[in-house]
N, C-alpha and C. Protein backbone atom coordinates (compact mmCIF):
# COMPACT_ATOMS: atom_id res chain seq x y z
N MET A 1 -52.42 -11.04 -28.05
CA MET A 1 -51.60 -11.91 -27.21
C MET A 1 -50.12 -11.75 -27.56
N ASN A 2 -49.84 -11.74 -28.90
CA ASN A 2 -48.47 -11.61 -29.35
C ASN A 2 -47.87 -10.27 -28.93
N LYS A 3 -48.75 -9.22 -28.93
CA LYS A 3 -48.27 -7.91 -28.51
C LYS A 3 -47.87 -7.92 -27.04
N ARG A 4 -48.67 -8.63 -26.23
CA ARG A 4 -48.37 -8.72 -24.80
C ARG A 4 -47.05 -9.45 -24.57
N ILE A 5 -46.83 -10.53 -25.32
CA ILE A 5 -45.58 -11.30 -25.19
C ILE A 5 -44.39 -10.43 -25.60
N ALA A 6 -44.57 -9.70 -26.71
CA ALA A 6 -43.50 -8.83 -27.18
C ALA A 6 -43.18 -7.74 -26.17
N LEU A 7 -44.25 -7.16 -25.56
CA LEU A 7 -44.06 -6.11 -24.57
C LEU A 7 -43.34 -6.65 -23.33
N ALA A 8 -43.74 -7.86 -22.92
CA ALA A 8 -43.11 -8.48 -21.76
C ALA A 8 -41.62 -8.74 -22.03
N PHE A 9 -41.32 -9.19 -23.25
CA PHE A 9 -39.93 -9.45 -23.62
C PHE A 9 -39.09 -8.17 -23.58
N VAL A 10 -39.68 -7.07 -24.09
CA VAL A 10 -38.98 -5.79 -24.08
C VAL A 10 -38.72 -5.33 -22.66
N LEU A 11 -39.71 -5.50 -21.77
CA LEU A 11 -39.54 -5.09 -20.37
C LEU A 11 -38.46 -5.90 -19.68
N ILE A 12 -38.44 -7.22 -19.94
CA ILE A 12 -37.43 -8.09 -19.34
C ILE A 12 -36.04 -7.70 -19.83
N LEU A 13 -35.92 -7.45 -21.13
CA LEU A 13 -34.64 -7.06 -21.71
C LEU A 13 -34.16 -5.73 -21.14
N SER A 14 -35.09 -4.78 -20.97
CA SER A 14 -34.73 -3.47 -20.41
C SER A 14 -34.25 -3.61 -18.97
N ALA A 15 -34.94 -4.46 -18.21
CA ALA A 15 -34.56 -4.67 -16.81
C ALA A 15 -33.18 -5.31 -16.71
N ALA A 16 -32.93 -6.30 -17.61
CA ALA A 16 -31.63 -6.96 -17.61
C ALA A 16 -30.52 -5.99 -17.97
N THR A 17 -30.77 -5.11 -18.93
CA THR A 17 -29.79 -4.11 -19.34
C THR A 17 -29.50 -3.13 -18.22
N ALA A 18 -30.57 -2.70 -17.54
CA ALA A 18 -30.40 -1.77 -16.41
C ALA A 18 -29.61 -2.41 -15.29
N TRP A 19 -29.89 -3.69 -15.03
CA TRP A 19 -29.16 -4.40 -13.96
C TRP A 19 -27.68 -4.51 -14.30
N ALA A 20 -27.41 -4.82 -15.56
CA ALA A 20 -26.01 -4.93 -15.98
C ALA A 20 -25.30 -3.60 -15.85
N GLY A 21 -26.02 -2.52 -16.15
CA GLY A 21 -25.41 -1.19 -16.05
C GLY A 21 -25.12 -0.80 -14.62
N CYS A 22 -25.86 -1.35 -13.67
CA CYS A 22 -25.66 -1.02 -12.26
C CYS A 22 -24.61 -1.91 -11.61
N ALA A 23 -24.18 -2.95 -12.31
CA ALA A 23 -23.18 -3.85 -11.73
C ALA A 23 -21.88 -3.10 -11.51
N GLY A 24 -21.10 -3.53 -10.50
CA GLY A 24 -19.86 -2.86 -10.18
C GLY A 24 -18.77 -3.13 -11.21
N PRO A 25 -17.63 -2.44 -11.08
CA PRO A 25 -16.53 -2.64 -12.01
C PRO A 25 -15.94 -4.05 -11.89
N ARG A 26 -15.37 -4.52 -12.96
CA ARG A 26 -14.73 -5.83 -12.95
C ARG A 26 -13.39 -5.71 -12.24
N VAL A 27 -13.17 -6.54 -11.24
CA VAL A 27 -11.95 -6.49 -10.43
C VAL A 27 -11.21 -7.81 -10.56
N GLU A 28 -9.92 -7.72 -10.81
CA GLU A 28 -9.09 -8.91 -10.91
C GLU A 28 -7.94 -8.79 -9.92
N ARG A 29 -7.78 -9.78 -9.07
CA ARG A 29 -6.67 -9.79 -8.13
C ARG A 29 -5.43 -10.38 -8.80
N ILE A 30 -4.32 -9.66 -8.71
CA ILE A 30 -3.09 -10.13 -9.34
C ILE A 30 -1.94 -10.07 -8.33
N SER A 31 -0.82 -10.66 -8.67
CA SER A 31 0.35 -10.63 -7.80
C SER A 31 0.89 -9.20 -7.68
N PRO A 32 1.25 -8.78 -6.47
CA PRO A 32 1.83 -7.44 -6.31
C PRO A 32 3.13 -7.27 -7.09
N ASP A 33 3.78 -8.37 -7.46
CA ASP A 33 5.04 -8.30 -8.20
C ASP A 33 4.82 -8.12 -9.70
N ARG A 34 3.59 -8.25 -10.15
CA ARG A 34 3.32 -8.14 -11.58
C ARG A 34 3.40 -6.68 -12.04
N VAL A 35 4.09 -6.46 -13.16
CA VAL A 35 4.23 -5.11 -13.69
C VAL A 35 2.92 -4.68 -14.34
N THR A 36 2.40 -3.52 -13.94
CA THR A 36 1.13 -3.02 -14.48
C THR A 36 1.30 -1.57 -14.92
N ASP A 37 1.66 -1.38 -16.17
CA ASP A 37 1.74 -0.03 -16.73
C ASP A 37 0.42 0.27 -17.43
N ILE A 38 -0.51 0.84 -16.69
CA ILE A 38 -1.84 1.12 -17.23
C ILE A 38 -1.91 2.51 -17.84
N SER A 39 -1.48 3.51 -17.10
CA SER A 39 -1.58 4.90 -17.57
C SER A 39 -0.27 5.41 -18.16
N GLY A 40 0.83 4.72 -17.86
CA GLY A 40 2.13 5.22 -18.29
C GLY A 40 2.79 6.12 -17.27
N ARG A 41 2.07 6.46 -16.20
CA ARG A 41 2.64 7.32 -15.17
C ARG A 41 3.55 6.52 -14.24
N TRP A 42 4.27 7.25 -13.38
CA TRP A 42 5.12 6.64 -12.34
C TRP A 42 4.27 5.70 -11.51
N ASN A 43 4.77 4.49 -11.25
CA ASN A 43 3.99 3.53 -10.49
C ASN A 43 4.87 2.76 -9.50
N ASP A 44 4.30 1.74 -8.87
CA ASP A 44 5.02 1.00 -7.83
C ASP A 44 6.25 0.28 -8.39
N THR A 45 6.15 -0.21 -9.62
CA THR A 45 7.30 -0.87 -10.23
C THR A 45 8.46 0.10 -10.42
N ASP A 46 8.16 1.31 -10.88
CA ASP A 46 9.19 2.33 -11.05
C ASP A 46 9.85 2.65 -9.71
N SER A 47 9.03 2.83 -8.68
CA SER A 47 9.53 3.18 -7.36
C SER A 47 10.50 2.13 -6.84
N GLN A 48 10.11 0.86 -6.92
CA GLN A 48 10.95 -0.22 -6.42
C GLN A 48 12.22 -0.37 -7.25
N GLN A 49 12.08 -0.26 -8.58
CA GLN A 49 13.23 -0.41 -9.47
C GLN A 49 14.27 0.67 -9.21
N VAL A 50 13.82 1.92 -9.12
CA VAL A 50 14.73 3.03 -8.90
C VAL A 50 15.38 2.93 -7.53
N ALA A 51 14.61 2.59 -6.50
CA ALA A 51 15.16 2.47 -5.15
C ALA A 51 16.27 1.42 -5.10
N ARG A 52 16.02 0.25 -5.69
CA ARG A 52 17.04 -0.81 -5.69
C ARG A 52 18.28 -0.37 -6.46
N ALA A 53 18.08 0.33 -7.58
CA ALA A 53 19.21 0.75 -8.41
C ALA A 53 20.09 1.77 -7.69
N VAL A 54 19.47 2.80 -7.09
CA VAL A 54 20.28 3.85 -6.47
C VAL A 54 20.96 3.34 -5.21
N VAL A 55 20.27 2.51 -4.43
CA VAL A 55 20.90 1.98 -3.22
C VAL A 55 22.03 1.02 -3.59
N GLY A 56 21.82 0.18 -4.60
CA GLY A 56 22.87 -0.73 -5.04
C GLY A 56 24.11 0.02 -5.50
N ASP A 57 23.91 1.11 -6.26
CA ASP A 57 25.05 1.91 -6.72
C ASP A 57 25.73 2.60 -5.55
N CYS A 58 24.95 3.15 -4.65
CA CYS A 58 25.49 3.86 -3.49
C CYS A 58 26.41 2.95 -2.66
N LEU A 59 25.94 1.74 -2.39
CA LEU A 59 26.69 0.83 -1.52
C LEU A 59 27.88 0.18 -2.22
N ALA A 60 28.02 0.40 -3.52
CA ALA A 60 29.15 -0.16 -4.26
C ALA A 60 30.26 0.87 -4.48
N GLN A 61 30.10 2.08 -3.92
CA GLN A 61 31.06 3.16 -4.17
C GLN A 61 32.12 3.26 -3.06
N PRO A 62 33.22 3.97 -3.33
CA PRO A 62 34.37 4.00 -2.41
C PRO A 62 34.09 4.50 -1.00
N TRP A 63 33.08 5.35 -0.82
CA TRP A 63 32.85 5.92 0.51
C TRP A 63 32.65 4.84 1.56
N LEU A 64 32.01 3.73 1.18
CA LEU A 64 31.73 2.67 2.14
C LEU A 64 33.02 1.94 2.55
N ASP A 65 33.90 1.68 1.59
CA ASP A 65 35.18 1.04 1.93
C ASP A 65 36.03 1.96 2.79
N GLU A 66 35.99 3.26 2.52
CA GLU A 66 36.74 4.21 3.34
C GLU A 66 36.22 4.21 4.78
N TRP A 67 34.88 4.14 4.91
CA TRP A 67 34.31 4.08 6.26
C TRP A 67 34.76 2.82 6.99
N LYS A 68 34.74 1.68 6.30
CA LYS A 68 35.12 0.41 6.91
C LYS A 68 36.58 0.42 7.38
N ARG A 69 37.45 1.05 6.57
CA ARG A 69 38.86 1.12 6.96
C ARG A 69 39.04 1.99 8.21
N ALA A 70 38.27 3.08 8.30
CA ALA A 70 38.37 3.98 9.45
C ALA A 70 37.62 3.46 10.66
N ASN A 71 36.59 2.63 10.42
CA ASN A 71 35.74 2.12 11.52
C ASN A 71 35.51 0.62 11.32
N PRO A 72 36.53 -0.20 11.53
CA PRO A 72 36.42 -1.63 11.20
C PRO A 72 35.38 -2.40 12.01
N ASP A 73 34.99 -1.86 13.14
CA ASP A 73 34.06 -2.59 14.01
C ASP A 73 32.63 -2.05 13.94
N ARG A 74 32.39 -1.08 13.04
CA ARG A 74 31.06 -0.48 12.98
C ARG A 74 30.58 -0.35 11.55
N ARG A 75 29.27 -0.52 11.38
CA ARG A 75 28.66 -0.20 10.10
C ARG A 75 28.17 1.24 10.14
N PRO A 76 28.24 1.97 9.04
CA PRO A 76 27.75 3.36 9.04
C PRO A 76 26.24 3.40 9.27
N VAL A 77 25.79 4.44 9.95
CA VAL A 77 24.37 4.61 10.24
C VAL A 77 23.81 5.64 9.25
N VAL A 78 22.75 5.26 8.55
CA VAL A 78 22.18 6.10 7.49
C VAL A 78 20.73 6.45 7.83
N ILE A 79 20.34 7.64 7.41
CA ILE A 79 18.95 8.06 7.52
C ILE A 79 18.52 8.65 6.18
N VAL A 80 17.26 8.48 5.83
CA VAL A 80 16.73 9.06 4.58
C VAL A 80 16.06 10.39 4.91
N GLY A 81 16.54 11.44 4.26
CA GLY A 81 15.95 12.76 4.45
C GLY A 81 14.87 13.02 3.41
N ALA A 82 14.75 14.25 2.98
CA ALA A 82 13.67 14.64 2.06
C ALA A 82 13.96 14.17 0.63
N ILE A 83 12.96 13.59 0.02
CA ILE A 83 12.97 13.31 -1.42
C ILE A 83 11.92 14.25 -2.02
N ILE A 84 12.34 15.19 -2.84
CA ILE A 84 11.44 16.23 -3.36
C ILE A 84 10.94 15.84 -4.75
N ASN A 85 9.64 15.94 -4.92
CA ASN A 85 9.03 15.66 -6.22
C ASN A 85 9.05 16.93 -7.07
N LYS A 86 9.92 16.97 -8.07
CA LYS A 86 10.00 18.11 -8.98
C LYS A 86 9.43 17.76 -10.35
N SER A 87 8.75 16.61 -10.42
CA SER A 87 8.20 16.15 -11.69
C SER A 87 6.88 16.85 -11.99
N HIS A 88 6.33 16.56 -13.18
CA HIS A 88 5.04 17.14 -13.58
C HIS A 88 3.89 16.31 -13.05
N GLU A 89 4.18 15.18 -12.40
CA GLU A 89 3.15 14.28 -11.90
C GLU A 89 3.03 14.36 -10.39
N HIS A 90 1.88 13.91 -9.89
CA HIS A 90 1.74 13.72 -8.45
C HIS A 90 2.36 12.36 -8.12
N ILE A 91 3.46 12.36 -7.40
CA ILE A 91 4.16 11.12 -7.03
C ILE A 91 4.19 11.03 -5.52
N ASN A 92 3.80 9.87 -5.00
CA ASN A 92 3.84 9.64 -3.55
C ASN A 92 5.28 9.36 -3.14
N VAL A 93 5.99 10.42 -2.72
CA VAL A 93 7.40 10.25 -2.39
C VAL A 93 7.59 9.44 -1.11
N GLN A 94 6.57 9.38 -0.26
CA GLN A 94 6.69 8.59 0.96
C GLN A 94 6.87 7.11 0.63
N THR A 95 6.14 6.64 -0.38
CA THR A 95 6.30 5.25 -0.81
C THR A 95 7.69 5.02 -1.37
N PHE A 96 8.19 5.96 -2.16
CA PHE A 96 9.54 5.85 -2.72
C PHE A 96 10.59 5.83 -1.61
N MET A 97 10.41 6.69 -0.61
CA MET A 97 11.34 6.72 0.52
C MET A 97 11.35 5.40 1.27
N LYS A 98 10.18 4.79 1.44
CA LYS A 98 10.11 3.49 2.11
C LYS A 98 10.80 2.40 1.30
N ASP A 99 10.70 2.49 -0.02
CA ASP A 99 11.40 1.52 -0.87
C ASP A 99 12.91 1.68 -0.72
N ILE A 100 13.39 2.92 -0.60
CA ILE A 100 14.81 3.16 -0.38
C ILE A 100 15.23 2.62 0.99
N GLU A 101 14.44 2.92 2.01
CA GLU A 101 14.75 2.43 3.36
C GLU A 101 14.83 0.91 3.38
N ARG A 102 13.88 0.27 2.73
CA ARG A 102 13.85 -1.19 2.71
C ARG A 102 15.11 -1.75 2.04
N ALA A 103 15.49 -1.15 0.93
CA ALA A 103 16.69 -1.61 0.22
C ALA A 103 17.95 -1.41 1.08
N LEU A 104 18.03 -0.31 1.79
CA LEU A 104 19.18 -0.06 2.66
C LEU A 104 19.25 -1.06 3.80
N ILE A 105 18.12 -1.27 4.48
CA ILE A 105 18.10 -2.18 5.62
C ILE A 105 18.40 -3.61 5.18
N ASN A 106 17.79 -4.05 4.11
CA ASN A 106 17.97 -5.43 3.65
C ASN A 106 19.37 -5.70 3.13
N SER A 107 20.12 -4.65 2.78
CA SER A 107 21.49 -4.86 2.31
C SER A 107 22.40 -5.36 3.42
N GLN A 108 22.07 -5.05 4.67
CA GLN A 108 22.87 -5.42 5.84
C GLN A 108 24.27 -4.80 5.80
N LYS A 109 24.48 -3.81 4.93
CA LYS A 109 25.78 -3.15 4.85
C LYS A 109 25.82 -1.86 5.67
N VAL A 110 24.66 -1.36 6.04
CA VAL A 110 24.57 -0.16 6.86
C VAL A 110 23.55 -0.39 7.96
N ARG A 111 23.60 0.47 8.97
CA ARG A 111 22.55 0.49 9.97
C ARG A 111 21.61 1.63 9.61
N PHE A 112 20.40 1.55 10.11
CA PHE A 112 19.39 2.53 9.71
C PHE A 112 18.64 3.00 10.93
N VAL A 113 18.40 4.32 11.02
CA VAL A 113 17.68 4.87 12.16
C VAL A 113 16.39 5.54 11.71
N SER A 114 15.51 5.75 12.65
CA SER A 114 14.19 6.30 12.39
C SER A 114 14.27 7.73 11.86
N SER A 115 13.23 8.11 11.11
CA SER A 115 13.15 9.47 10.58
C SER A 115 12.86 10.46 11.70
N ARG A 116 12.91 11.75 11.39
CA ARG A 116 12.65 12.79 12.39
C ARG A 116 11.25 12.63 12.97
N GLU A 117 10.25 12.38 12.11
CA GLU A 117 8.88 12.22 12.59
C GLU A 117 8.75 10.98 13.47
N GLU A 118 9.38 9.90 13.05
CA GLU A 118 9.30 8.67 13.84
C GLU A 118 10.02 8.82 15.16
N ARG A 119 11.14 9.53 15.18
CA ARG A 119 11.87 9.74 16.43
C ARG A 119 11.02 10.52 17.42
N GLY A 120 10.27 11.51 16.91
CA GLY A 120 9.40 12.28 17.80
C GLY A 120 8.37 11.40 18.47
N GLU A 121 7.77 10.48 17.70
CA GLU A 121 6.77 9.57 18.26
C GLU A 121 7.40 8.63 19.28
N LEU A 122 8.59 8.12 18.96
CA LEU A 122 9.27 7.20 19.87
C LEU A 122 9.67 7.91 21.17
N ARG A 123 10.09 9.16 21.06
CA ARG A 123 10.48 9.91 22.26
C ARG A 123 9.28 10.18 23.16
N ARG A 124 8.14 10.47 22.54
CA ARG A 124 6.93 10.68 23.35
C ARG A 124 6.55 9.41 24.09
N GLU A 125 6.71 8.26 23.43
CA GLU A 125 6.41 6.99 24.09
C GLU A 125 7.37 6.74 25.25
N ARG A 126 8.66 7.01 25.05
CA ARG A 126 9.63 6.83 26.14
C ARG A 126 9.31 7.76 27.30
N SER A 127 8.92 8.99 26.96
CA SER A 127 8.57 9.96 28.01
C SER A 127 7.39 9.45 28.83
N ASP A 128 6.39 8.91 28.14
CA ASP A 128 5.22 8.36 28.84
C ASP A 128 5.62 7.23 29.77
N GLN A 129 6.56 6.39 29.31
CA GLN A 129 6.98 5.26 30.13
C GLN A 129 7.63 5.72 31.43
N HIS A 130 8.27 6.89 31.40
CA HIS A 130 8.98 7.38 32.58
C HIS A 130 8.10 8.31 33.44
N GLU A 131 6.81 8.35 33.13
CA GLU A 131 5.88 9.14 33.94
C GLU A 131 5.31 8.34 35.10
N GLY A 132 5.77 7.12 35.26
CA GLY A 132 5.32 6.30 36.38
C GLY A 132 4.28 5.27 36.02
N TRP A 133 3.88 5.22 34.74
CA TRP A 133 2.85 4.27 34.33
C TRP A 133 3.44 2.88 34.01
N THR A 134 4.72 2.83 33.70
CA THR A 134 5.34 1.60 33.23
C THR A 134 6.28 1.05 34.30
N ALA A 135 6.28 -0.28 34.46
CA ALA A 135 7.18 -0.92 35.43
C ALA A 135 8.62 -0.53 35.12
N GLU A 136 9.37 -0.20 36.17
CA GLU A 136 10.73 0.33 35.98
C GLU A 136 11.61 -0.61 35.18
N GLU A 137 11.48 -1.91 35.43
CA GLU A 137 12.37 -2.86 34.75
C GLU A 137 12.06 -3.02 33.27
N THR A 138 10.90 -2.50 32.82
CA THR A 138 10.54 -2.63 31.40
C THR A 138 10.62 -1.30 30.65
N ARG A 139 11.00 -0.23 31.34
CA ARG A 139 11.07 1.06 30.68
C ARG A 139 12.24 1.11 29.69
N ALA A 140 12.00 1.74 28.55
CA ALA A 140 13.07 1.96 27.57
C ALA A 140 14.00 3.04 28.10
N GLY A 141 15.29 2.82 27.95
CA GLY A 141 16.26 3.79 28.46
C GLY A 141 16.27 5.07 27.64
N VAL A 142 16.69 6.17 28.27
CA VAL A 142 16.79 7.45 27.57
C VAL A 142 18.27 7.76 27.34
N GLY A 143 18.53 8.62 26.37
CA GLY A 143 19.91 9.01 26.10
C GLY A 143 20.73 7.92 25.45
N GLN A 144 20.06 6.95 24.80
CA GLN A 144 20.79 5.85 24.19
C GLN A 144 20.51 5.73 22.68
N GLU A 145 19.97 6.78 22.09
CA GLU A 145 19.70 6.76 20.66
C GLU A 145 21.00 6.71 19.85
N ILE A 146 20.93 6.07 18.70
CA ILE A 146 22.07 5.99 17.80
C ILE A 146 21.99 7.15 16.81
N GLY A 147 23.04 7.92 16.71
CA GLY A 147 23.06 9.04 15.78
C GLY A 147 23.44 8.59 14.38
N ALA A 148 22.85 9.23 13.39
CA ALA A 148 23.16 8.89 12.00
C ALA A 148 24.49 9.51 11.59
N ASN A 149 25.22 8.79 10.75
CA ASN A 149 26.48 9.30 10.18
C ASN A 149 26.27 9.93 8.81
N PHE A 150 25.26 9.44 8.09
CA PHE A 150 25.02 9.90 6.72
C PHE A 150 23.52 10.09 6.50
N MET A 151 23.21 11.06 5.63
CA MET A 151 21.82 11.28 5.23
C MET A 151 21.71 11.17 3.72
N MET A 152 20.72 10.37 3.26
CA MET A 152 20.44 10.25 1.84
C MET A 152 19.23 11.11 1.51
N LYS A 153 19.35 11.94 0.48
CA LYS A 153 18.26 12.82 0.07
C LYS A 153 18.35 13.05 -1.43
N GLY A 154 17.32 13.66 -2.00
CA GLY A 154 17.37 13.88 -3.43
C GLY A 154 16.06 14.38 -4.00
N SER A 155 15.85 14.12 -5.30
CA SER A 155 14.67 14.63 -6.00
C SER A 155 14.29 13.71 -7.14
N LEU A 156 13.03 13.82 -7.56
CA LEU A 156 12.52 13.13 -8.74
C LEU A 156 12.14 14.18 -9.78
N ASN A 157 12.62 14.00 -11.01
CA ASN A 157 12.41 14.98 -12.07
C ASN A 157 11.87 14.30 -13.32
N THR A 158 11.19 15.06 -14.16
CA THR A 158 10.70 14.52 -15.43
C THR A 158 10.94 15.50 -16.56
N ILE A 159 11.07 14.94 -17.76
CA ILE A 159 11.07 15.71 -19.00
C ILE A 159 10.03 15.05 -19.90
N VAL A 160 9.12 15.83 -20.47
CA VAL A 160 8.04 15.31 -21.30
C VAL A 160 8.23 15.80 -22.73
N ASP A 161 8.19 14.86 -23.68
CA ASP A 161 8.24 15.19 -25.10
C ASP A 161 6.96 14.64 -25.72
N GLU A 162 6.20 15.53 -26.39
CA GLU A 162 4.86 15.15 -26.83
C GLU A 162 4.59 15.65 -28.24
N LEU A 163 4.01 14.79 -29.06
CA LEU A 163 3.61 15.17 -30.41
C LEU A 163 2.41 14.34 -30.83
N GLU A 164 1.30 15.04 -31.09
CA GLU A 164 0.06 14.39 -31.53
C GLU A 164 -0.31 13.25 -30.56
N SER A 165 -0.34 12.01 -31.05
CA SER A 165 -0.82 10.92 -30.20
C SER A 165 0.29 10.19 -29.47
N SER A 166 1.54 10.65 -29.60
CA SER A 166 2.66 10.00 -28.94
C SER A 166 3.23 10.89 -27.84
N LYS A 167 3.67 10.23 -26.77
CA LYS A 167 4.20 10.96 -25.63
C LYS A 167 5.38 10.18 -25.04
N ALA A 168 6.49 10.87 -24.83
CA ALA A 168 7.65 10.26 -24.18
C ALA A 168 7.87 10.95 -22.85
N VAL A 169 7.98 10.16 -21.80
CA VAL A 169 8.22 10.70 -20.46
C VAL A 169 9.54 10.15 -19.95
N PHE A 170 10.42 11.07 -19.56
CA PHE A 170 11.75 10.72 -19.08
C PHE A 170 11.80 11.04 -17.58
N TYR A 171 11.99 10.01 -16.76
CA TYR A 171 12.09 10.19 -15.30
C TYR A 171 13.55 10.09 -14.89
N GLN A 172 13.96 10.97 -13.99
CA GLN A 172 15.31 10.89 -13.46
C GLN A 172 15.29 11.12 -11.95
N ALA A 173 15.84 10.16 -11.23
CA ALA A 173 15.99 10.29 -9.77
C ALA A 173 17.43 10.72 -9.49
N ASN A 174 17.60 11.84 -8.83
CA ASN A 174 18.92 12.33 -8.41
C ASN A 174 19.02 12.18 -6.89
N ILE A 175 19.92 11.33 -6.44
CA ILE A 175 20.03 11.03 -5.01
C ILE A 175 21.46 11.31 -4.54
N GLU A 176 21.58 11.87 -3.35
CA GLU A 176 22.89 12.23 -2.79
C GLU A 176 23.04 11.62 -1.39
N LEU A 177 24.28 11.37 -1.02
CA LEU A 177 24.58 10.91 0.34
C LEU A 177 25.49 11.94 0.99
N HIS A 178 25.04 12.50 2.13
CA HIS A 178 25.76 13.56 2.81
C HIS A 178 26.36 13.04 4.11
N ASP A 179 27.61 13.41 4.37
CA ASP A 179 28.26 13.13 5.65
C ASP A 179 27.72 14.15 6.66
N LEU A 180 27.05 13.69 7.70
CA LEU A 180 26.42 14.61 8.65
C LEU A 180 27.42 15.34 9.53
N THR A 181 28.65 14.83 9.63
CA THR A 181 29.67 15.50 10.44
C THR A 181 30.31 16.64 9.68
N THR A 182 30.61 16.41 8.40
CA THR A 182 31.37 17.39 7.61
C THR A 182 30.54 18.12 6.56
N ASN A 183 29.30 17.65 6.32
CA ASN A 183 28.44 18.17 5.24
C ASN A 183 28.97 17.82 3.84
N GLU A 184 29.98 16.95 3.78
CA GLU A 184 30.53 16.54 2.50
C GLU A 184 29.55 15.62 1.78
N ILE A 185 29.40 15.82 0.47
CA ILE A 185 28.61 14.89 -0.34
C ILE A 185 29.55 13.77 -0.77
N VAL A 186 29.33 12.58 -0.25
CA VAL A 186 30.27 11.47 -0.49
C VAL A 186 29.85 10.60 -1.67
N TRP A 187 28.61 10.80 -2.14
CA TRP A 187 28.14 10.01 -3.29
C TRP A 187 27.01 10.77 -3.98
N LEU A 188 27.06 10.77 -5.30
CA LEU A 188 25.99 11.33 -6.13
C LEU A 188 25.53 10.23 -7.08
N GLY A 189 24.25 9.95 -7.06
CA GLY A 189 23.73 8.90 -7.93
C GLY A 189 22.51 9.35 -8.69
N GLU A 190 22.22 8.61 -9.75
CA GLU A 190 21.02 8.89 -10.53
C GLU A 190 20.54 7.60 -11.16
N HIS A 191 19.25 7.58 -11.46
CA HIS A 191 18.69 6.46 -12.22
C HIS A 191 17.60 7.02 -13.12
N LYS A 192 17.57 6.51 -14.36
CA LYS A 192 16.67 7.05 -15.38
C LYS A 192 15.71 5.98 -15.87
N ILE A 193 14.50 6.43 -16.17
CA ILE A 193 13.47 5.59 -16.78
C ILE A 193 12.85 6.38 -17.92
N LYS A 194 12.65 5.74 -19.06
CA LYS A 194 12.02 6.42 -20.18
C LYS A 194 10.85 5.59 -20.67
N LYS A 195 9.69 6.23 -20.85
CA LYS A 195 8.48 5.55 -21.29
C LYS A 195 7.92 6.23 -22.54
N ILE A 196 7.54 5.40 -23.51
CA ILE A 196 6.85 5.88 -24.71
C ILE A 196 5.39 5.49 -24.58
N ILE A 197 4.50 6.45 -24.70
CA ILE A 197 3.07 6.22 -24.46
C ILE A 197 2.27 6.57 -25.70
N ASP A 198 1.44 5.65 -26.14
CA ASP A 198 0.49 5.92 -27.22
C ASP A 198 -0.78 6.46 -26.58
N LYS A 199 -1.00 7.76 -26.69
CA LYS A 199 -2.11 8.39 -25.98
C LYS A 199 -3.47 7.93 -26.47
N ASP A 200 -3.56 7.46 -27.70
CA ASP A 200 -4.84 6.98 -28.21
C ASP A 200 -5.30 5.73 -27.49
N SER A 201 -4.36 5.02 -26.88
CA SER A 201 -4.72 3.78 -26.21
C SER A 201 -4.86 3.95 -24.70
N VAL A 202 -4.69 5.19 -24.21
CA VAL A 202 -4.74 5.47 -22.77
C VAL A 202 -5.85 6.45 -22.48
N LYS A 203 -6.61 6.18 -21.43
CA LYS A 203 -7.64 7.11 -20.97
C LYS A 203 -7.04 7.96 -19.88
N TRP A 204 -6.78 9.23 -20.20
CA TRP A 204 -6.10 10.13 -19.25
C TRP A 204 -7.09 10.81 -18.32
């Protein structure tokens, strides 16, 4: 009898262990604003921090005052061009570009126009509206797009220093603002982030 009870206990324990092993990962919902440096790699906090820093520096430089003096009734129109990832990591530059766009628009110091890809989609929609499917009084006008005066573009770079269980990663964003009429670079900016990582505590 005791053997049967012991066997039953072992079977129950095995089943419970198997069930626990099949359970899904533990998930915790947190605030999107909370800093989460889990792997030490470039993350959403880095993207937002760098975007705010470079845009803040850009809008505080003399080129903007010069524009205002020459064009007192207009804000300059800016577009974000290519941001090239030259780092050793896979970085979603589209997210970084959106963070830059958001910082520019929210500053209210410049006007902002759609990217090349977005303009193509908008033009196709306007073309469709003028094919006779849309009521004339509600059609979007053609030939009324706002041209950009300046383009912001740049790159993300890294330097890695590594020894045994320690790793230092140095991130640098180099961003430029180009005058689209003259091709003059009116502003050069950069922002740096440095991280020290204990590799023994990180699962790579």
